[in-house]
Amino acid sequence: MSKKERVKVGIIGSGFVADIHADSFRMMPDEAEVVAVASPPQCGAEDLAKKYDIPRVFTDYKRMLAEDDIEMVTIAAPNYLHAQMTIDIANAGKHVVCEKPLCMTLEEADVMIDTCKKKGVLLMYAEELFFTPKYVKAKQMADEGAFGKVYMVKQSEKHFGPHAPWFWDVEKSGGGVFMDMGCHGIAFCYWFLDRPKIKNVYCQMATHVHTDKTKGEDNSICIIEFDGGAIGLVEDSWARRGGMEDRIEVYGGGGVTYADLHMGNALPTYSEHGYGYAVEKAPSTKGWTYPAFEELWNYGFPQEMHHFARCVRGKEDPQATGEDGRVVQEVLYAGYHSAGIGQKVELPFTPKDVKTPIQLWLNPKKP
């Protein structure tokens, strides 16, 4: 395959995240094109295909994998399906882009990584915070010494709940907000600090608001201690009203920086009447709102997918890999266990017979 020819992409899924994937490839079309989408009947694949001019639609993703020209497949499906889909994609000889979190268990992560290596395909971990322009700039400044020795990195993401019903079901999601969004903060801190060894994890979580919908936690705080003394602080909530918050703070001996993903890219707006769309998770557009522009670009999604396509062509090395996803998975394990037993958990932490990370919180067993 010529390095100049665009990578042909198939998407598994047709919901919120699949739409982001399709739109991201549309925004940066020089390296890749979406040629197929697969989703169960009545789940919206036809609508997504029509919206983005995707020529082929499948109701069974395995039939899509039989298409010879497809080279890379993105997984935008519920968490509990990630592992088997990755294995099937790799066995079909196609490169994998798996949405966060990587999977449900460490055993699944190991099989996913091993299968992709054996089949000679890439397993790329879709963590867009590695590509978010503001956050990339903050890391560039840190790497240049702007803040001296960085001793604490904080990432927080908060809103009033997920975009699809399956997130509330811990058997399908693996956990609550810590599983859903804490994976972002864990990966961000690990990446920002140049992937140091993780020493221990301490976490507190509770279900404050959504007890009628889920057994999962809707608010969590996680502290990660790294070799060298730096701390990662990860705050997440499904219990915050008022729309979306996504921000970082970086503290060093010689400086500090703050980045608010939405407010710096928003138009302070007051409307008596409301309007179509403001920003992800905004409940209303009446009164004071802060509509974003170029939202996907400011999140980093198009840059991420563009990068992954270039990796398929051998033009770049993956910045986010299955191994990164496995590190995150182990911290998720440790965080849930820490919240369950009320104390720090040292890494490595690889308990056996775990079906969902949240069980380590709901049914803790002290060592």
Protein backbone atom coordinates (compact mmCIF):
# COMPACT_ATOMS: atom_id res chain seq x y z
CA MET A 1 0.00 0.00 0.00
CA SER A 2 1.41 3.37 -1.01
CA LYS A 3 2.29 5.80 1.78
CA LYS A 4 0.47 8.44 -0.25
CA GLU A 5 -2.81 6.53 -0.39
CA ARG A 6 -5.30 7.35 2.34
CA VAL A 7 -5.89 4.77 5.06
CA LYS A 8 -9.33 3.20 4.73
CA VAL A 9 -11.12 3.13 8.07
CA GLY A 10 -14.06 1.22 9.48
CA ILE A 11 -15.90 2.35 12.61
CA ILE A 12 -17.61 0.00 15.05
CA GLY A 13 -20.45 1.88 16.69
CA SER A 14 -22.85 4.61 15.66
CA GLY A 15 -23.45 6.68 18.79
CA PHE A 16 -21.86 9.74 20.35
CA VAL A 17 -18.22 8.60 20.15
CA ALA A 18 -18.59 7.06 16.69
CA ASP A 19 -19.89 10.42 15.49
CA ILE A 20 -16.78 12.08 16.94
CA HIS A 21 -14.55 9.61 15.12
CA ALA A 22 -16.31 10.14 11.80
CA ASP A 23 -16.29 13.92 12.14
CA SER A 24 -12.62 13.90 13.15
CA PHE A 25 -11.58 12.02 10.02
CA ARG A 26 -13.72 14.42 7.97
CA MET A 27 -11.92 17.41 9.49
CA MET A 28 -8.45 16.09 8.57
CA PRO A 29 -9.04 14.01 5.43
CA ASP A 30 -5.56 13.93 3.93
CA GLU A 31 -4.40 10.75 5.70
CA ALA A 32 -7.57 8.66 6.09
CA GLU A 33 -11.14 8.14 4.91
CA VAL A 34 -14.03 6.33 6.61
CA VAL A 35 -15.40 3.75 4.19
CA ALA A 36 -17.60 1.65 6.49
CA VAL A 37 -19.55 1.69 9.75
CA ALA A 38 -20.93 -1.28 11.67
CA SER A 39 -23.58 -1.21 14.37
CA PRO A 40 -26.51 -3.47 15.39
CA PRO A 41 -29.88 -2.92 13.66
CA GLN A 42 -31.83 0.17 14.71
CA CYS A 43 -28.78 1.67 16.43
CA GLY A 44 -28.21 4.49 13.96
CA ALA A 45 -25.54 3.27 11.56
CA GLU A 46 -27.56 4.32 8.52
CA ASP A 47 -27.97 7.82 9.96
CA LEU A 48 -24.28 8.14 10.70
CA ALA A 49 -23.40 6.92 7.21
CA LYS A 50 -25.75 9.43 5.64
CA LYS A 51 -24.41 12.29 7.77
CA TYR A 52 -20.78 11.66 6.79
CA ASP A 53 -21.19 10.05 3.34
CA ILE A 54 -19.87 6.69 4.51
CA PRO A 55 -20.49 4.27 1.63
CA ARG A 56 -20.85 0.92 3.44
CA VAL A 57 -23.07 -0.01 6.39
CA PHE A 58 -23.03 -3.30 8.29
CA THR A 59 -25.17 -4.65 11.10
CA ASP A 60 -22.46 -7.16 12.07
CA TYR A 61 -18.95 -5.80 12.58
CA LYS A 62 -17.43 -9.18 11.69
CA ARG A 63 -18.80 -8.81 8.17
CA MET A 64 -17.15 -5.40 7.96
CA LEU A 65 -13.85 -6.98 8.99
CA ALA A 66 -14.05 -9.23 5.93
CA GLU A 67 -13.68 -6.17 3.67
CA ASP A 68 -10.19 -6.44 2.22
CA ASP A 69 -9.56 -2.74 1.71
CA ILE A 70 -10.20 -1.69 5.31
CA GLU A 71 -6.88 -1.24 7.10
CA MET A 72 -7.76 0.37 10.43
CA VAL A 73 -10.84 -0.04 12.64
CA THR A 74 -11.89 2.24 15.47
CA ILE A 75 -13.88 0.85 18.39
CA ALA A 76 -16.62 3.16 19.66
CA ALA A 77 -18.60 0.54 21.58
CA PRO A 78 -19.37 -0.19 25.26
CA ASN A 79 -16.39 -1.09 27.43
CA TYR A 80 -17.27 -4.75 27.91
CA LEU A 81 -17.03 -5.34 24.15
CA HIS A 82 -13.58 -3.80 23.63
CA ALA A 83 -11.47 -6.91 24.23
CA GLN A 84 -13.28 -9.31 21.90
CA MET A 85 -13.60 -6.68 19.20
CA THR A 86 -9.88 -5.94 19.39
CA ILE A 87 -9.04 -9.63 19.10
CA ASP A 88 -11.37 -10.03 16.11
CA ILE A 89 -9.95 -6.96 14.38
CA ALA A 90 -6.37 -8.13 14.91
CA ASN A 91 -7.19 -11.62 13.66
CA ALA A 92 -8.57 -9.98 10.52
CA GLY A 93 -5.17 -8.33 10.02
CA LYS A 94 -6.33 -4.77 10.64
CA HIS A 95 -4.93 -2.08 12.91
CA VAL A 96 -6.93 -1.20 16.02
CA VAL A 97 -7.91 2.12 17.59
CA CYS A 98 -9.62 1.31 20.89
CA GLU A 99 -11.51 3.93 22.84
CA LYS A 100 -10.79 4.44 26.51
CA PRO A 101 -10.81 2.62 28.86
CA LEU A 102 -8.93 -0.15 27.09
CA CYS A 103 -11.07 -2.96 28.49
CA MET A 104 -12.54 -4.41 31.70
CA THR A 105 -9.68 -6.46 33.19
CA LEU A 106 -5.91 -6.76 33.18
CA GLU A 107 -6.20 -10.24 31.70
CA GLU A 108 -8.15 -8.79 28.77
CA ALA A 109 -5.52 -6.07 28.33
CA ASP A 110 -2.73 -8.64 28.16
CA VAL A 111 -4.57 -10.74 25.57
CA MET A 112 -5.35 -7.66 23.46
CA ILE A 113 -1.73 -6.51 23.47
CA ASP A 114 -0.37 -10.01 22.83
CA THR A 115 -2.80 -10.74 19.98
CA CYS A 116 -2.02 -7.50 18.17
CA LYS A 117 1.72 -8.15 18.47
CA LYS A 118 1.37 -11.70 17.17
CA LYS A 119 -0.73 -10.52 14.21
CA GLY A 120 1.65 -7.66 13.40
CA VAL A 121 -0.95 -4.90 13.81
CA LEU A 122 -0.95 -1.74 15.90
CA LEU A 123 -3.06 -1.40 19.03
CA MET A 124 -3.57 2.32 19.54
CA TYR A 125 -5.26 3.71 22.62
CA ALA A 126 -7.66 6.56 21.95
CA GLU A 127 -6.71 9.02 24.69
CA GLU A 128 -7.40 12.42 23.17
CA LEU A 129 -5.85 14.38 26.06
CA PHE A 130 -2.45 13.49 24.60
CA PHE A 131 -3.49 15.63 21.60
CA THR A 132 -5.52 18.43 23.23
CA PRO A 133 -3.81 21.63 21.98
CA LYS A 134 -3.83 23.46 25.32
CA TYR A 135 -2.54 20.43 27.17
CA VAL A 136 0.11 19.71 24.55
CA LYS A 137 1.32 23.31 24.94
CA ALA A 138 1.45 22.93 28.73
CA LYS A 139 3.60 19.80 28.37
CA GLN A 140 5.85 21.52 25.84
CA MET A 141 6.48 24.33 28.32
CA ALA A 142 7.11 21.83 31.12
CA ASP A 143 9.58 19.91 28.95
CA GLU A 144 11.38 23.19 28.22
CA GLY A 145 11.81 23.78 31.95
CA ALA A 146 9.27 26.57 32.34
CA PHE A 147 8.05 25.31 35.71
CA GLY A 148 11.24 23.78 37.07
CA LYS A 149 10.74 20.39 38.68
CA VAL A 150 7.04 19.56 38.40
CA TYR A 151 5.74 18.25 41.72
CA MET A 152 1.98 18.07 41.06
CA VAL A 153 -0.27 17.67 38.03
CA LYS A 154 -4.04 17.88 38.35
CA GLN A 155 -6.72 16.94 35.82
CA SER A 156 -10.44 17.21 36.44
CA GLU A 157 -13.48 16.39 34.32
CA LYS A 158 -16.99 16.95 35.65
CA HIS A 159 -20.56 17.08 34.37
CA PHE A 160 -23.96 15.63 35.26
CA GLY A 161 -23.77 12.22 33.69
CA PRO A 162 -22.84 10.13 30.65
CA HIS A 163 -24.27 10.29 27.14
CA ALA A 164 -25.54 6.70 26.81
CA PRO A 165 -27.61 4.46 29.13
CA TRP A 166 -25.08 1.59 29.20
CA PHE A 167 -22.67 3.68 31.27
CA TRP A 168 -25.01 3.35 34.27
CA ASP A 169 -24.81 -0.48 34.07
CA VAL A 170 -21.59 -1.46 35.83
CA GLU A 171 -21.65 -4.92 34.22
CA LYS A 172 -21.22 -3.21 30.83
CA SER A 173 -19.12 -0.22 31.87
CA GLY A 174 -16.96 -1.77 34.58
CA GLY A 175 -17.53 1.11 36.98
CA GLY A 176 -18.88 4.62 37.37
CA VAL A 177 -17.29 7.98 36.75
CA PHE A 178 -13.80 6.84 37.78
CA MET A 179 -13.88 4.16 35.08
CA ASP A 180 -15.46 6.51 32.55
CA MET A 181 -13.45 9.68 33.09
CA GLY A 182 -10.81 8.89 35.68
CA CYS A 183 -9.06 6.93 32.95
CA HIS A 184 -8.47 10.27 31.19
CA GLY A 185 -6.82 11.87 34.21
CA ILE A 186 -4.69 8.81 35.01
CA ALA A 187 -3.39 8.68 31.44
CA PHE A 188 -2.84 12.44 31.35
CA CYS A 189 -0.75 12.59 34.54
CA TYR A 190 1.27 9.55 33.47
CA TRP A 191 1.94 11.05 30.01
CA PHE A 192 2.60 14.59 31.24
CA LEU A 193 5.27 13.36 33.67
CA ASP A 194 6.93 11.22 30.94
CA ARG A 195 5.56 7.85 32.08
CA PRO A 196 7.39 7.37 35.39
CA LYS A 197 6.87 4.29 37.53
CA ILE A 198 3.73 4.55 39.66
CA LYS A 199 4.34 3.85 43.35
CA ASN A 200 0.89 3.90 44.90
CA VAL A 201 -2.71 5.03 44.52
CA TYR A 202 -5.21 6.45 47.01
CA CYS A 203 -8.83 7.01 46.05
CA GLN A 204 -12.12 8.14 47.60
CA MET A 205 -15.46 7.72 45.84
CA ALA A 206 -19.20 7.78 46.52
CA THR A 207 -22.58 7.90 44.82
CA HIS A 208 -24.15 11.22 45.80
CA VAL A 209 -26.81 11.95 43.18
CA HIS A 210 -27.53 9.07 40.80
CA THR A 211 -28.38 6.27 43.23
CA ASP A 212 -31.61 5.68 41.29
CA LYS A 213 -29.67 4.87 38.10
CA THR A 214 -26.49 3.06 39.03
CA LYS A 215 -24.44 1.12 41.53
CA GLY A 216 -21.46 3.04 40.23
CA GLU A 217 -19.78 6.00 41.85
CA ASP A 218 -20.73 9.45 40.56
CA ASN A 219 -17.88 11.34 42.23
CA SER A 220 -14.24 10.35 42.72
CA ILE A 221 -10.90 11.76 43.84
CA CYS A 222 -7.67 9.90 43.11
CA ILE A 223 -4.10 10.64 44.20
CA ILE A 224 -1.28 8.92 42.31
CA GLU A 225 2.27 8.98 43.64
CA PHE A 226 5.05 8.58 41.08
CA ASP A 227 8.72 7.70 41.37
CA GLY A 228 10.63 10.92 41.89
CA GLY A 229 7.99 12.35 44.22
CA ALA A 230 5.53 13.94 41.78
CA ILE A 231 1.80 13.62 42.51
CA GLY A 232 -1.09 13.25 40.09
CA LEU A 233 -4.48 14.45 41.33
CA VAL A 234 -7.51 13.23 39.36
CA GLU A 235 -10.98 14.59 40.12
CA ASP A 236 -14.10 13.36 38.31
CA SER A 237 -17.82 13.79 38.72
CA TRP A 238 -21.14 12.83 37.18
CA ALA A 239 -22.80 14.87 39.93
CA ARG A 240 -21.79 18.38 38.82
CA ARG A 241 -24.61 20.47 37.44
CA GLY A 242 -24.11 23.31 34.99
CA GLY A 243 -22.48 21.57 32.04
CA MET A 244 -18.97 20.37 31.35
CA GLU A 245 -15.73 21.18 33.15
CA ASP A 246 -12.38 19.90 31.87
CA ARG A 247 -9.22 21.51 33.19
CA ILE A 248 -5.63 20.91 34.23
CA GLU A 249 -3.24 22.53 36.70
CA VAL A 250 0.53 22.08 36.67
CA TYR A 251 2.71 23.06 39.64
CA GLY A 252 6.49 23.20 39.66
CA GLY A 253 9.23 24.70 41.79
CA GLY A 254 9.69 27.44 39.21
CA GLY A 255 6.22 28.11 37.89
CA VAL A 256 2.61 27.12 37.38
CA THR A 257 0.09 26.93 34.56
CA TYR A 258 -3.66 26.44 34.33
CA ALA A 259 -5.67 25.35 31.31
CA ASP A 260 -9.46 25.32 31.14
CA LEU A 261 -10.46 23.37 28.07
CA HIS A 262 -13.81 25.07 27.60
CA MET A 263 -13.75 28.56 29.07
CA GLY A 264 -10.81 29.76 27.03
CA ASN A 265 -12.57 28.65 23.85
CA ALA A 266 -16.03 29.93 24.68
CA LEU A 267 -18.21 32.94 23.99
CA PRO A 268 -19.82 34.29 27.21
CA THR A 269 -23.45 34.48 26.08
CA TYR A 270 -26.78 35.47 27.60
CA SER A 271 -30.03 34.44 25.86
CA GLU A 272 -33.67 34.68 26.94
CA HIS A 273 -34.70 32.37 24.11
CA GLY A 274 -32.00 29.71 23.92
CA TYR A 275 -30.34 28.34 20.81
CA GLY A 276 -29.26 25.03 19.29
CA TYR A 277 -26.02 23.81 20.93
CA ALA A 278 -23.58 25.27 23.39
CA VAL A 279 -21.07 22.62 24.44
CA GLU A 280 -20.95 18.96 25.40
CA LYS A 281 -23.24 18.10 28.35
CA ALA A 282 -24.72 21.62 28.62
CA PRO A 283 -28.30 21.08 29.91
CA SER A 284 -29.80 24.31 28.53
CA THR A 285 -28.97 27.28 26.32
CA LYS A 286 -31.15 29.82 28.11
CA GLY A 287 -29.64 32.37 30.48
CA TRP A 288 -25.87 32.59 30.73
CA THR A 289 -24.05 29.97 28.68
CA TYR A 290 -20.59 29.52 27.22
CA PRO A 291 -20.88 28.08 23.70
CA ALA A 292 -17.68 26.59 22.34
CA PHE A 293 -16.35 26.82 18.81
CA GLU A 294 -14.17 24.26 17.01
CA GLU A 295 -15.04 21.93 19.89
CA LEU A 296 -13.58 18.69 18.52
CA TRP A 297 -10.38 20.42 17.46
CA ASN A 298 -9.92 21.92 20.93
CA TYR A 299 -10.45 18.48 22.47
CA GLY A 300 -7.79 17.00 20.17
CA PHE A 301 -9.89 14.31 18.44
CA PRO A 302 -9.03 15.15 14.80
CA GLN A 303 -5.32 15.41 15.59
CA GLU A 304 -5.51 12.04 17.37
CA MET A 305 -7.14 10.20 14.46
CA HIS A 306 -4.84 11.89 11.96
CA HIS A 307 -1.85 10.71 14.00
CA PHE A 308 -3.15 7.13 14.17
CA ALA A 309 -3.61 7.05 10.39
CA ARG A 310 -0.04 8.24 9.93
CA CYS A 311 1.11 5.46 12.27
CA VAL A 312 -0.55 2.90 10.01
CA ARG A 313 1.50 4.26 7.12
CA GLY A 314 4.69 4.14 9.19
CA LYS A 315 5.05 7.92 9.18
CA GLU A 316 4.88 8.26 12.98
CA ASP A 317 5.19 6.09 16.07
CA PRO A 318 2.05 5.73 18.19
CA GLN A 319 1.89 8.23 21.04
CA ALA A 320 -0.84 6.25 22.84
CA THR A 321 -0.58 2.47 22.89
CA GLY A 322 -2.22 -0.59 24.35
CA GLU A 323 0.54 -0.62 26.95
CA ASP A 324 -0.56 2.86 28.07
CA GLY A 325 -4.10 1.56 28.37
CA ARG A 326 -2.89 -1.34 30.50
CA VAL A 327 -1.13 1.04 32.91
CA VAL A 328 -4.39 2.96 33.25
CA GLN A 329 -6.26 -0.30 33.85
CA GLU A 330 -3.98 -1.24 36.73
CA VAL A 331 -4.44 2.18 38.34
CA LEU A 332 -8.21 1.81 37.96
CA TYR A 333 -7.94 -1.51 39.81
CA ALA A 334 -5.84 0.07 42.54
CA GLY A 335 -8.12 3.11 42.83
CA TYR A 336 -11.27 1.09 43.29
CA HIS A 337 -9.53 -1.19 45.81
CA SER A 338 -8.14 1.81 47.69
CA ALA A 339 -11.60 3.34 47.97
CA GLY A 340 -12.92 0.00 49.21
CA ILE A 341 -10.36 -0.52 51.96
CA GLY A 342 -9.70 3.14 52.81
CA GLN A 343 -5.94 3.11 52.38
CA LYS A 344 -3.18 3.47 49.81
CA VAL A 345 -2.59 0.60 47.41
CA GLU A 346 0.96 -0.11 46.27
CA LEU A 347 1.74 -1.01 42.68
CA PRO A 348 2.12 -3.46 41.04
CA PHE A 349 -1.45 -4.50 41.88
CA THR A 350 -2.74 -7.44 39.87
CA PRO A 351 -5.55 -9.23 41.72
CA LYS A 352 -7.04 -12.30 40.09
CA ASP A 353 -10.65 -13.22 39.33
CA VAL A 354 -11.71 -9.61 38.72
CA LYS A 355 -14.68 -9.32 36.37
CA THR A 356 -15.23 -5.57 36.74
CA PRO A 357 -12.93 -3.05 38.42
CA ILE A 358 -15.77 -1.65 40.52
CA GLN A 359 -16.14 -4.94 42.40
CA LEU A 360 -12.90 -4.02 44.16
CA TRP A 361 -14.81 -1.11 45.72
CA LEU A 362 -18.23 -2.68 46.19
CA ASN A 363 -16.83 -5.94 47.63
CA PRO A 364 -13.40 -5.05 49.02
CA LYS A 365 -11.10 -7.70 50.42
CA LYS A 366 -8.31 -6.39 52.60
CA PRO A 367 -4.94 -8.05 52.01
